[in-house]
Structure formats: structure tokens, C-alpha cells
């Protein structure tokens, strides 16, 4: 039987400070071997020394088979992963990563328009080398509230993309006209968007008629501050209290209830479990309406009822 490898040991070969808040981490095999291949739009799980697991888009050229590059924006009010990467990781440190997965594949055989908001530029950085090399038609709209928040603007401008690159800086009065972008799409063109939830919601509202030609990539959301409620575990009968401001997952962990979890941002669905009774508040970003009738993600979701029953 062939042994399947699900995680890869890498070392931090180089760290680049893009701006005060963003760093590029270049990861390589400790012995210089090729890394498992990836395609444009793919991401990996980063297993941090503290035990946290976080997902980051691969931002390097897929043709460079010896390096995984991730861009990490420091989030002071985040859940700790970006701060650990910025503060505790150094060149030469070992880092366990997953095999690349691609839930946001970016086509290279059809015209594409890409819309990136802030750090949402990262999955598109892996697509540009191939699109340019094959001379494929594309447009890239890079949006930020200010020039200093457009971390990769200088890098993109150095690529000499010409009219294929459009910068939209809000404070400079250069806001993206989303309706115009959608109206100018060709009949076979695909639209991709990665950025803040507010942007993605606007894109989905405006371009929903594109159907399978619309692709969005979510980063994750913070849990809401729900009032106190209880979680009833149907299999054991145990009642777990959830305090105001505490996530359901945190409460379950405090009660020694094991629930697998990875991103803890409502994206990967590793923690999803069946709910049986009550009124859940769904905050994940990737389940369908039908899925929500059966499943809930305790990492970010909550309860509008005083008690929520889970199939645990």
C-alpha cells in the first residue's frame, strides 16, 4: 500500500517585509527538494508552533516548484495566527504545511476579470505569471481604501501590465464601478473576486446572473457577540453554557468536548456538526441554504434561542 502524505515539512527560507503590516514568507523543503505542485488560486494550511492552523493563499508562481510563498497581513484584533507568524517566525524555522488545495481555481483558457480588495490580491498573484506567459486576455482591478493599504501596488506596477491593471484607491476618488465592470464582460468571460465580505456581497448582488462564471473567495469572519445561551449535547445529555462574547467552539473546548477545527473563521467547515433543535445563527461563508438546514459551524455561528441542541 502506498503511504499518502497529507502534510509537508518546510523551512522558512526568506521573509520579505512588503509594508509595515504585510510580510511575504517563502517556504522551501529543508533538503532542497521540489514541493508538491499547486495551481493558480490554491491555498495551504499552515500549522503554527502554538497549535493554531490557518489558511493562506499561495502567492508565488506555480511554475517555481521549490517554493511556497504566502502573504500575511498582521491583524492586531485577529485570532492570533497572523501575529504569531509576524512575531515568532524566523528564517530557518520549520513549518508544517498541508498539501495545496484549490477551491478557487483561476482559469487560463478563457478571458478573466479579477477584482481584489486589499490583501485579497494574494490568490491572483499566483495566476498572473501564467496568464502573462501564455498571453491570455485578463483584467485586474485592485481596490484599497488608500495607497498605503494597497500593499502590492508597486509590485504590480513593475510587472508592466498596462491597461490590464486598474488601481482603485477610494480616498483618491477612484472607486470601482462594479456595475460597469460587469456590463463590460464578454459572453464567455469569468469574474473572480477576493476581498472583504462587504465587497463580496456587493459582487454577488451585482453579478449573480453570471452563474458558474462568477467565483468568489472568502477569508473568514469573526464571531458575533451573542447573548448567553446553552448547547445541549444530544448523545450525552450534557448541557454546555456559552457566555456572551464566547464562541460555541470555545465553550465546547472548555467543557472537554472534542470538535475538529482548522480555520476557525467559517470557511473550511472542518468543525461543522449537525444541529437538531433550536434557532441557529449561521455566520459561515461557504455552506448552501440546504446545508444550513442540517449543519452548523460552532467556530463562528451562534444561537438565537436560549438552547441549541447538537448531535454530539
Protein backbone atom coordinates (compact mmCIF):
# COMPACT_ATOMS: atom_id res chain seq x y z
CA UNK A 1 0.00 0.00 0.00
CA UNK A 2 1.29 3.47 -0.91
CA UNK A 3 1.56 5.80 2.05
CA UNK A 4 -0.32 9.03 1.46
CA UNK A 5 1.35 12.23 2.57
CA UNK A 6 -1.05 14.87 3.85
CA UNK A 7 1.41 17.33 5.39
CA UNK A 8 4.82 18.59 4.35
CA UNK A 9 7.68 19.90 6.48
CA UNK A 10 9.12 23.16 5.15
CA UNK A 11 11.59 25.73 6.39
CA UNK A 12 11.25 29.48 6.23
CA UNK A 13 13.83 30.28 3.55
CA UNK A 14 13.18 34.03 3.31
CA UNK A 15 10.94 36.71 4.79
CA UNK A 16 10.13 39.95 2.96
CA UNK A 17 8.59 42.99 4.66
CA UNK A 18 6.24 44.34 1.97
CA UNK A 19 4.97 47.20 4.16
CA UNK A 20 4.50 47.77 7.91
CA UNK A 21 1.63 45.27 8.08
CA UNK A 22 2.35 42.70 5.37
CA UNK A 23 5.11 40.09 5.14
CA UNK A 24 5.90 37.52 2.47
CA UNK A 25 7.06 34.14 3.77
CA UNK A 26 8.95 31.93 1.30
CA UNK A 27 8.85 28.27 2.34
CA UNK A 28 11.07 25.52 0.92
CA UNK A 29 11.86 21.86 1.51
CA UNK A 30 14.57 21.52 4.21
CA UNK A 31 16.75 19.46 1.84
CA UNK A 32 16.03 21.48 -1.30
CA UNK A 33 13.64 19.01 -2.94
CA UNK A 34 10.70 20.02 -5.09
CA UNK A 35 7.46 20.70 -3.23
CA UNK A 36 4.11 19.16 -4.23
CA UNK A 37 2.74 21.16 -7.19
CA UNK A 38 -0.07 23.69 -6.98
CA UNK A 39 -2.27 25.60 -9.39
CA UNK A 40 -3.28 29.26 -9.51
CA UNK A 41 -5.74 30.11 -6.73
CA UNK A 42 -4.65 27.29 -4.41
CA UNK A 43 -4.07 27.61 -0.66
CA UNK A 44 -2.34 25.66 2.10
CA UNK A 45 -2.95 25.11 5.80
CA UNK A 46 -0.15 26.48 7.99
CA UNK A 47 0.37 24.51 11.23
CA UNK A 48 1.79 27.08 13.63
CA UNK A 49 4.06 26.16 16.58
CA UNK A 50 1.30 27.19 19.01
CA UNK A 51 -1.05 24.61 17.51
CA UNK A 52 -3.13 27.12 15.54
CA UNK A 53 -3.97 26.19 11.95
CA UNK A 54 -4.55 28.95 9.43
CA UNK A 55 -5.20 29.00 5.68
CA UNK A 56 -3.25 31.24 3.29
CA UNK A 57 -3.37 31.57 -0.48
CA UNK A 58 -0.23 30.59 -2.35
CA UNK A 59 1.03 33.80 -3.94
CA UNK A 60 4.05 32.56 -5.86
CA UNK A 61 4.46 31.32 -9.41
CA UNK A 62 3.14 27.72 -9.75
CA UNK A 63 5.97 27.08 -12.21
CA UNK A 64 8.50 27.54 -9.36
CA UNK A 65 8.27 24.06 -7.87
CA UNK A 66 10.69 24.59 -4.98
CA UNK A 67 8.90 27.37 -3.08
CA UNK A 68 5.56 28.10 -1.45
CA UNK A 69 5.02 31.83 -0.90
CA UNK A 70 2.31 33.21 1.39
CA UNK A 71 1.45 36.83 2.14
CA UNK A 72 0.36 37.53 5.72
CA UNK A 73 -1.25 40.76 6.86
CA UNK A 74 -0.85 41.41 10.56
CA UNK A 75 -4.24 41.69 12.27
CA UNK A 76 -3.91 43.18 15.75
CA UNK A 77 -7.52 42.35 16.59
CA UNK A 78 -7.50 38.99 14.84
CA UNK A 79 -7.43 35.48 16.27
CA UNK A 80 -3.67 35.31 16.78
CA UNK A 81 -2.39 33.48 13.72
CA UNK A 82 -1.06 36.49 11.83
CA UNK A 83 0.57 37.92 14.95
CA UNK A 84 2.35 34.63 15.59
CA UNK A 85 3.65 34.48 12.03
CA UNK A 86 4.87 38.09 12.18
CA UNK A 87 6.40 37.97 15.65
CA UNK A 88 7.56 34.39 16.25
CA UNK A 89 8.62 33.02 12.89
CA UNK A 90 12.19 33.48 11.66
CA UNK A 91 14.32 32.37 8.74
CA UNK A 92 15.38 28.76 9.28
CA UNK A 93 12.34 27.80 11.37
CA UNK A 94 10.49 24.63 10.40
CA UNK A 95 6.83 24.90 9.50
CA UNK A 96 4.40 22.06 8.83
CA UNK A 97 2.01 22.75 5.94
CA UNK A 98 -0.75 20.82 4.21
CA UNK A 99 -0.76 19.74 0.60
CA UNK A 100 -2.11 22.52 -1.64
CA UNK A 101 -5.87 22.58 -2.19
CA UNK A 102 -7.70 24.64 -4.76
CA UNK A 103 -11.28 25.75 -4.15
CA UNK A 104 -10.72 28.90 -6.23
CA UNK A 105 -9.14 27.69 -9.50
CA UNK A 106 -8.38 30.59 -11.83
CA UNK A 107 -8.84 29.71 -15.48
CA UNK A 108 -6.08 30.21 -18.00
CA UNK A 109 -8.08 29.10 -21.07
CA UNK A 110 -10.79 31.79 -21.04
CA UNK A 111 -10.90 35.58 -20.60
CA UNK A 112 -10.91 36.51 -16.90
CA UNK A 113 -11.54 39.67 -14.91
CA UNK A 114 -10.20 39.68 -11.36
CA UNK A 115 -11.30 42.03 -8.57
CA UNK A 116 -9.11 42.16 -5.45
CA UNK A 117 -9.76 44.08 -2.27
CA UNK A 118 -6.70 44.79 -0.09
CA UNK A 119 -4.94 41.58 0.92
CA UNK A 120 -7.43 39.78 -1.34
CA UNK A 121 -4.89 40.25 -4.11
CA UNK A 122 -2.96 37.19 -2.87
CA UNK A 123 -4.62 34.37 -4.89
CA UNK A 124 -4.32 36.43 -8.08
CA UNK A 125 -0.56 36.83 -7.66
CA UNK A 126 -0.22 33.12 -8.45
CA UNK A 127 -2.36 33.47 -11.59
CA UNK A 128 -0.59 36.42 -13.22
CA UNK A 129 2.68 34.67 -14.27
CA UNK A 130 0.80 32.01 -16.24
CA UNK A 131 -1.68 34.43 -17.79
CA UNK A 132 1.18 36.68 -18.90
CA UNK A 133 3.36 33.83 -20.19
CA UNK A 134 0.52 32.40 -22.29
CA UNK A 135 -0.64 35.85 -23.40
CA UNK A 136 -4.17 35.18 -22.13
CA UNK A 137 -6.67 38.07 -22.03
CA UNK A 138 -7.31 39.33 -18.49
CA UNK A 139 -8.07 42.42 -16.42
CA UNK A 140 -7.14 43.01 -12.79
CA UNK A 141 -8.93 45.56 -10.62
CA UNK A 142 -7.04 46.17 -7.36
CA UNK A 143 -9.06 48.10 -4.75
CA UNK A 144 -7.91 49.68 -1.49
CA UNK A 145 -9.08 52.47 0.78
CA UNK A 146 -5.74 54.28 0.47
CA UNK A 147 -2.47 53.88 -1.38
CA UNK A 148 -0.66 52.61 1.73
CA UNK A 149 -3.30 49.86 2.07
CA UNK A 150 -2.59 48.69 -1.49
CA UNK A 151 0.38 46.61 -0.34
CA UNK A 152 1.20 45.09 -3.71
CA UNK A 153 0.52 48.08 -5.96
CA UNK A 154 4.22 48.76 -6.54
CA UNK A 155 4.91 45.11 -7.35
CA UNK A 156 2.05 45.02 -9.85
CA UNK A 157 3.10 48.27 -11.48
CA UNK A 158 6.60 46.86 -12.01
CA UNK A 159 5.07 43.97 -13.97
CA UNK A 160 4.16 46.44 -16.74
CA UNK A 161 0.59 45.18 -17.14
CA UNK A 162 -0.53 48.34 -18.89
CA UNK A 163 -4.29 48.78 -19.22
CA UNK A 164 -4.83 45.25 -17.87
CA UNK A 165 -4.22 46.65 -14.36
CA UNK A 166 -6.62 49.18 -12.85
CA UNK A 167 -5.94 50.60 -9.36
CA UNK A 168 -8.95 51.87 -7.42
CA UNK A 169 -7.99 53.99 -4.40
CA UNK A 170 -11.11 55.15 -2.54
CA UNK A 171 -9.60 58.20 -0.84
CA UNK A 172 -8.38 59.40 -4.23
CA UNK A 173 -11.87 59.26 -5.70
CA UNK A 174 -11.08 56.24 -7.87
CA UNK A 175 -13.74 53.88 -6.59
CA UNK A 176 -14.51 50.73 -8.57
CA UNK A 177 -17.67 50.97 -10.69
CA UNK A 178 -18.80 47.39 -10.22
CA UNK A 179 -21.86 47.67 -12.46
CA UNK A 180 -19.68 48.92 -15.30
CA UNK A 181 -17.16 46.10 -14.86
CA UNK A 182 -19.94 43.50 -15.03
CA UNK A 183 -21.58 45.15 -18.04
CA UNK A 184 -18.30 45.07 -19.98
CA UNK A 185 -17.70 41.34 -19.51
CA UNK A 186 -17.59 39.27 -22.68
CA UNK A 187 -20.06 36.43 -23.12
CA UNK A 188 -17.53 33.74 -22.13
CA UNK A 189 -15.59 35.79 -19.58
CA UNK A 190 -15.29 34.70 -15.95
CA UNK A 191 -15.32 37.10 -12.99
CA UNK A 192 -13.24 36.40 -9.88
CA UNK A 193 -13.33 38.33 -6.63
CA UNK A 194 -11.39 38.03 -3.37
CA UNK A 195 -11.57 40.56 -0.58
CA UNK A 196 -13.63 41.74 2.40
CA UNK A 197 -17.08 40.27 2.93
CA UNK A 198 -18.72 43.59 2.15
CA UNK A 199 -17.09 43.63 -1.28
CA UNK A 200 -18.00 40.02 -1.98
CA UNK A 201 -21.63 40.66 -1.05
CA UNK A 202 -21.74 43.60 -3.47
CA UNK A 203 -20.21 41.49 -6.24
CA UNK A 204 -22.65 38.66 -5.69
CA UNK A 205 -25.59 41.09 -5.69
CA UNK A 206 -24.42 42.77 -8.89
CA UNK A 207 -23.10 39.79 -10.82
CA UNK A 208 -25.24 36.93 -9.55
CA UNK A 209 -26.69 36.40 -13.02
CA UNK A 210 -23.28 35.17 -14.22
CA UNK A 211 -23.96 31.84 -12.54
CA UNK A 212 -20.99 29.49 -12.90
CA UNK A 213 -18.89 32.31 -14.40
CA UNK A 214 -18.79 34.09 -11.02
CA UNK A 215 -16.18 32.95 -8.47
CA UNK A 216 -15.61 34.44 -5.01
CA UNK A 217 -13.03 33.61 -2.34
CA UNK A 218 -13.77 34.28 1.34
CA UNK A 219 -11.25 34.95 4.08
CA UNK A 220 -13.42 34.23 7.10
CA UNK A 221 -15.44 36.18 9.62
CA UNK A 222 -15.30 36.99 13.32
CA UNK A 223 -17.94 35.55 15.55
CA UNK A 224 -20.71 37.82 16.71
CA UNK A 225 -21.33 38.83 20.31
CA UNK A 226 -24.43 36.73 21.09
CA UNK A 227 -26.19 36.79 24.46
CA UNK A 228 -25.61 33.79 26.71
CA UNK A 229 -27.23 30.51 25.62
CA UNK A 230 -26.84 26.78 26.21
CA UNK A 231 -25.77 23.94 23.96
CA UNK A 232 -27.39 20.57 24.67
CA UNK A 233 -25.31 17.60 23.53
CA UNK A 234 -27.92 15.09 22.36
CA UNK A 235 -25.80 11.96 22.71
CA UNK A 236 -24.64 12.53 26.29
CA UNK A 237 -27.32 14.86 27.63
CA UNK A 238 -24.63 17.29 28.80
CA UNK A 239 -25.51 20.99 28.79
CA UNK A 240 -22.69 23.38 27.90
CA UNK A 241 -23.17 27.09 28.73
CA UNK A 242 -21.93 29.64 26.19
CA UNK A 243 -21.11 33.01 27.75
CA UNK A 244 -21.68 36.37 25.99
CA UNK A 245 -18.83 37.03 23.57
CA UNK A 246 -17.67 33.41 23.74
CA UNK A 247 -17.84 31.25 20.62
CA UNK A 248 -19.66 27.95 20.69
CA UNK A 249 -16.40 26.21 19.82
CA UNK A 250 -14.59 27.85 22.73
CA UNK A 251 -17.35 26.74 25.11
CA UNK A 252 -17.24 23.17 23.82
CA UNK A 253 -13.48 23.04 24.22
CA UNK A 254 -13.73 24.38 27.77
CA UNK A 255 -16.12 21.50 28.50
CA UNK A 256 -13.60 19.00 27.08
CA UNK A 257 -15.80 18.25 24.07
CA UNK A 258 -13.58 17.49 21.11
CA UNK A 259 -14.63 19.17 17.85
CA UNK A 260 -12.15 19.16 14.94
CA UNK A 261 -11.39 22.68 13.75
CA UNK A 262 -8.99 24.32 11.35
CA UNK A 263 -9.57 27.87 10.07
CA UNK A 264 -11.94 28.93 12.90
CA UNK A 265 -13.24 31.58 10.52
CA UNK A 266 -16.29 29.93 8.98
CA UNK A 267 -14.62 28.86 5.74
CA UNK A 268 -13.10 25.37 5.87
CA UNK A 269 -16.12 23.60 7.51
CA UNK A 270 -13.85 21.19 9.46
CA UNK A 271 -15.83 21.92 12.64
CA UNK A 272 -19.33 21.58 11.19
CA UNK A 273 -21.75 19.41 13.15
CA UNK A 274 -25.44 18.62 12.92
CA UNK A 275 -27.92 20.73 14.85
CA UNK A 276 -31.21 19.15 15.88
CA UNK A 277 -33.30 21.75 17.73
CA UNK A 278 -33.23 25.48 18.40
CA UNK A 279 -32.63 28.51 16.19
CA UNK A 280 -29.04 28.70 14.91
CA UNK A 281 -27.41 31.91 13.71
CA UNK A 282 -25.29 30.92 10.73
CA UNK A 283 -22.19 33.01 10.10
CA UNK A 284 -20.04 30.68 8.00
CA UNK A 285 -19.38 31.74 4.44
CA UNK A 286 -19.39 28.59 2.34
CA UNK A 287 -22.44 26.41 3.08
CA UNK A 288 -25.55 26.34 0.93
CA UNK A 289 -29.02 27.15 2.23
CA UNK A 290 -29.81 23.44 2.23
CA UNK A 291 -26.63 22.63 4.19
CA UNK A 292 -27.66 25.13 6.85
CA UNK A 293 -30.88 23.22 7.44
CA UNK A 294 -28.75 20.40 8.86
CA UNK A 295 -25.31 21.73 9.78
CA UNK A 296 -23.77 24.50 11.86
CA UNK A 297 -20.19 25.71 12.29
CA UNK A 298 -19.54 26.31 16.01
CA UNK A 299 -16.38 28.32 15.31
CA UNK A 300 -18.34 31.43 14.25
CA UNK A 301 -22.06 30.62 14.43
CA UNK A 302 -24.36 31.16 17.38
CA UNK A 303 -27.91 30.71 18.62
CA UNK A 304 -30.96 32.97 18.64
CA UNK A 305 -32.71 30.57 21.03
CA UNK A 306 -31.83 30.01 24.68
CA UNK A 307 -30.83 26.44 23.90
CA UNK A 308 -29.39 24.80 20.79
CA UNK A 309 -29.23 21.01 20.50
CA UNK A 310 -26.29 19.48 18.66
CA UNK A 311 -25.80 15.90 17.51
CA UNK A 312 -22.75 15.42 19.73
